[in-house]
Amino acid sequence: MESEGRINLDIKVLVVDDLKKRRDEVKAILSDITTKIYEAENGLEAVIAAEKLKPDIIFMDIKMPAMDGIEACKKIMETNPLPVIFLTAAVEDNYDHYIERVKSSGAFSYIVKPPKKSEVLAQTIIAIENFKRFYNIKKENEDLKKYIEDRKLIDKAKAILVEKDKISEKEALRRLQRLSMNSGVPIGDIAKAIIITSS
């Protein structure tokens, strides 16, 4: 039975900070929601750990040796997108430039050190849920883009078959569908092959 005030989210978390004391602070907070907490000491280690461990969320310091958090976040977003929340000291000067760099990194949010338990737990849940929505929308957009590209290829391949074999558009489409079904190759790829071989 779970103890009072503890919610087990069964998530993997990566905590990145060059100072062990700071990592331990975040780990102590996160231990209320998961036992799967991993650590990295700098941005370079974070990029490697993100690829290897595939955590559900990353809490990352910004100023670190080897590679800072912003650069590490950019690399993670390019190769293996994950929700990243920065842990940062209070910003006193050039706030706009600082926030612009944080936003351009692809991070979901940031928390000012020392982290407060309520903020860390709330940000964790929000970031994971928002990332799921973001990922689903991104996938839907990619699927739609692929569908539109395939439709263009199919229309072009149909026109080629109509012209070459003197058949109707309907029969040309049926032929493409049969070829796709019999070969197990997506219809868009069949269409592309017809276009290439006819040119």
Protein backbone atom coordinates (compact mmCIF):
# COMPACT_ATOMS: atom_id res chain seq x y z
CA MET A 1 0.00 0.00 0.00
CA GLU A 2 1.27 3.46 -0.90
CA SER A 3 2.05 5.81 1.97
CA GLU A 4 -0.05 8.92 2.38
CA GLY A 5 0.95 11.74 0.03
CA ARG A 6 2.84 9.38 -2.28
CA ILE A 7 1.73 8.89 -5.89
CA ASN A 8 3.59 6.26 -7.87
CA LEU A 9 3.72 7.48 -11.48
CA ASP A 10 6.06 4.66 -12.54
CA ILE A 11 8.12 7.03 -14.67
CA LYS A 12 11.84 7.19 -15.46
CA VAL A 13 13.48 10.50 -14.56
CA LEU A 14 16.94 11.75 -15.43
CA VAL A 15 18.40 14.41 -13.11
CA VAL A 16 21.34 16.35 -14.54
CA ASP A 17 23.52 18.69 -12.46
CA ASP A 18 27.25 18.95 -11.92
CA LEU A 19 26.65 19.36 -8.17
CA LYS A 20 25.68 16.18 -6.30
CA LYS A 21 23.92 18.23 -3.61
CA ARG A 22 21.55 19.68 -6.24
CA ARG A 23 20.90 16.28 -7.76
CA ASP A 24 20.12 14.88 -4.32
CA GLU A 25 17.61 17.70 -3.66
CA VAL A 26 15.65 16.88 -6.80
CA LYS A 27 15.93 13.13 -6.25
CA ALA A 28 14.52 13.50 -2.71
CA ILE A 29 11.47 15.31 -4.14
CA LEU A 30 10.99 12.87 -7.02
CA SER A 31 11.23 9.85 -4.72
CA ASP A 32 7.60 10.62 -3.80
CA ILE A 33 6.46 9.71 -7.31
CA THR A 34 9.00 7.20 -8.66
CA THR A 35 11.92 4.95 -7.76
CA LYS A 36 13.39 5.10 -11.28
CA ILE A 37 15.68 8.09 -10.92
CA TYR A 38 18.95 8.30 -12.86
CA GLU A 39 21.75 10.87 -12.73
CA ALA A 40 24.18 12.64 -15.04
CA GLU A 41 26.85 15.19 -14.13
CA ASN A 42 26.91 17.32 -17.29
CA GLY A 43 25.20 17.93 -20.62
CA LEU A 44 27.33 15.45 -22.52
CA GLU A 45 26.44 12.65 -20.08
CA ALA A 46 22.79 13.76 -20.31
CA VAL A 47 22.69 13.33 -24.11
CA ILE A 48 24.17 9.82 -23.81
CA ALA A 49 21.89 8.87 -20.90
CA ALA A 50 18.79 10.21 -22.69
CA GLU A 51 19.55 7.98 -25.69
CA LYS A 52 20.35 4.92 -23.58
CA LEU A 53 17.73 5.17 -20.81
CA LYS A 54 14.89 6.90 -22.71
CA PRO A 55 13.54 8.64 -19.58
CA ASP A 56 10.02 10.06 -19.44
CA ILE A 57 11.34 13.44 -18.29
CA ILE A 58 14.66 15.22 -17.66
CA PHE A 59 15.45 17.82 -15.00
CA MET A 60 18.59 19.62 -16.11
CA ASP A 61 20.86 22.35 -14.80
CA ILE A 62 21.91 24.98 -17.36
CA LYS A 63 25.46 25.94 -16.35
CA MET A 64 27.60 22.79 -16.44
CA PRO A 65 31.06 21.76 -17.66
CA ALA A 66 31.65 19.68 -20.84
CA MET A 67 28.33 20.79 -22.33
CA ASP A 68 25.78 23.20 -20.86
CA GLY A 69 22.11 22.31 -20.40
CA ILE A 70 20.85 24.40 -23.31
CA GLU A 71 23.18 22.73 -25.81
CA ALA A 72 22.38 19.29 -24.37
CA CYS A 73 18.64 19.98 -24.60
CA LYS A 74 18.97 20.99 -28.27
CA LYS A 75 20.83 17.75 -29.05
CA ILE A 76 18.24 15.65 -27.20
CA MET A 77 15.39 17.36 -29.07
CA GLU A 78 17.11 16.70 -32.41
CA THR A 79 17.76 13.00 -31.82
CA ASN A 80 15.34 11.71 -29.20
CA PRO A 81 12.75 14.35 -28.17
CA LEU A 82 11.84 14.25 -24.48
CA PRO A 83 10.30 16.74 -22.04
CA VAL A 84 13.12 18.73 -20.43
CA ILE A 85 12.69 21.06 -17.46
CA PHE A 86 15.62 23.32 -16.65
CA LEU A 87 16.79 23.89 -13.10
CA THR A 88 18.32 27.33 -12.99
CA ALA A 89 19.58 29.98 -10.60
CA ALA A 90 17.55 33.18 -10.39
CA VAL A 91 18.17 35.40 -13.41
CA GLU A 92 19.10 38.95 -12.47
CA ASP A 93 20.37 40.52 -15.69
CA ASN A 94 19.52 40.20 -19.38
CA TYR A 95 16.38 38.20 -18.53
CA ASP A 96 14.87 38.45 -22.05
CA HIS A 97 17.98 37.05 -23.74
CA TYR A 98 18.19 34.27 -21.14
CA ILE A 99 14.54 33.25 -21.62
CA GLU A 100 14.97 33.37 -25.41
CA ARG A 101 17.85 30.89 -25.14
CA VAL A 102 15.78 28.63 -22.89
CA LYS A 103 12.83 28.75 -25.32
CA SER A 104 15.01 28.09 -28.38
CA SER A 105 16.41 24.94 -26.75
CA GLY A 106 13.07 23.13 -26.96
CA ALA A 107 12.74 22.79 -23.16
CA PHE A 108 9.21 22.61 -21.77
CA SER A 109 9.77 24.82 -18.74
CA TYR A 110 12.20 25.92 -16.05
CA ILE A 111 12.28 25.94 -12.26
CA VAL A 112 14.32 28.39 -10.20
CA LYS A 113 16.65 26.80 -7.64
CA PRO A 114 16.28 25.69 -4.94
CA PRO A 115 13.40 23.59 -6.29
CA LYS A 116 10.14 23.50 -4.34
CA LYS A 117 8.47 20.12 -3.97
CA SER A 118 5.02 21.27 -5.11
CA GLU A 119 6.47 22.94 -8.23
CA VAL A 120 8.65 19.97 -9.22
CA LEU A 121 5.78 17.49 -8.87
CA ALA A 122 3.28 19.71 -10.70
CA GLN A 123 5.74 20.50 -13.52
CA THR A 124 6.54 16.79 -13.89
CA ILE A 125 2.90 15.82 -14.44
CA ILE A 126 2.16 18.82 -16.71
CA ALA A 127 5.30 18.37 -18.84
CA ILE A 128 4.70 14.64 -19.39
CA GLU A 129 1.04 15.19 -20.34
CA ASN A 130 1.87 18.13 -22.62
CA PHE A 131 4.66 16.15 -24.25
CA LYS A 132 2.26 13.27 -24.99
CA ARG A 133 -0.14 15.74 -26.65
CA PHE A 134 2.72 17.37 -28.55
CA TYR A 135 4.01 13.98 -29.73
CA ASN A 136 0.51 12.84 -30.82
CA ILE A 137 -0.11 16.08 -32.76
CA LYS A 138 3.35 15.81 -34.37
CA LYS A 139 2.62 12.22 -35.41
CA GLU A 140 -0.81 13.16 -36.78
CA ASN A 141 0.81 15.97 -38.80
CA GLU A 142 3.47 13.61 -40.14
CA ASP A 143 0.79 11.03 -41.06
CA LEU A 144 -1.26 13.72 -42.81
CA LYS A 145 1.78 14.98 -44.70
CA LYS A 146 2.59 11.39 -45.80
CA TYR A 147 -1.03 10.85 -46.86
CA ILE A 148 -0.98 14.04 -49.00
CA GLU A 149 2.37 13.08 -50.57
CA ASP A 150 1.07 9.56 -51.31
CA ARG A 151 -2.13 10.97 -52.88
CA LYS A 152 -0.03 13.11 -55.24
CA LEU A 153 2.12 10.10 -56.21
CA ILE A 154 -0.95 7.90 -56.72
CA ASP A 155 -2.63 10.52 -58.92
CA LYS A 156 0.52 10.86 -61.01
CA ALA A 157 0.94 7.07 -61.32
CA LYS A 158 -2.74 6.70 -62.29
CA ALA A 159 -2.30 9.29 -65.04
CA ILE A 160 0.73 7.37 -66.34
CA LEU A 161 -1.21 4.07 -66.42
CA VAL A 162 -4.23 5.71 -68.09
CA GLU A 163 -2.00 7.19 -70.79
CA LYS A 164 0.23 4.13 -71.28
CA ASP A 165 -2.31 1.29 -71.06
CA LYS A 166 -5.42 3.19 -72.23
CA ILE A 167 -7.44 2.27 -69.15
CA SER A 168 -9.82 4.28 -66.97
CA GLU A 169 -8.69 6.08 -63.82
CA LYS A 170 -10.78 3.65 -61.78
CA GLU A 171 -9.03 0.64 -63.34
CA ALA A 172 -5.62 2.34 -62.88
CA LEU A 173 -6.36 2.80 -59.17
CA ARG A 174 -7.52 -0.82 -58.85
CA ARG A 175 -4.28 -1.95 -60.48
CA LEU A 176 -2.20 0.07 -58.02
CA GLN A 177 -4.20 -1.37 -55.12
CA ARG A 178 -3.76 -4.95 -56.40
CA LEU A 179 -0.01 -4.45 -56.86
CA SER A 180 0.22 -3.08 -53.33
CA MET A 181 -1.83 -5.92 -51.83
CA ASN A 182 -0.02 -8.69 -53.69
CA SER A 183 3.46 -7.38 -52.93
CA GLY A 184 2.86 -6.09 -49.40
CA VAL A 185 4.43 -2.79 -50.47
CA PRO A 186 2.63 0.48 -49.53
CA ILE A 187 0.62 1.92 -52.44
CA GLY A 188 2.59 5.19 -52.29
CA ASP A 189 5.83 3.27 -52.90
CA ILE A 190 4.22 1.35 -55.79
CA ALA A 191 3.13 4.66 -57.31
CA LYS A 192 6.63 6.12 -56.87
CA ALA A 193 8.17 3.08 -58.62
CA ILE A 194 5.79 3.49 -61.59
CA ILE A 195 6.67 7.18 -61.87
CA ILE A 196 10.42 6.47 -61.75
CA THR A 197 10.30 3.63 -64.32
CA SER A 198 8.18 5.64 -66.73
CA SER A 199 10.52 8.66 -66.81
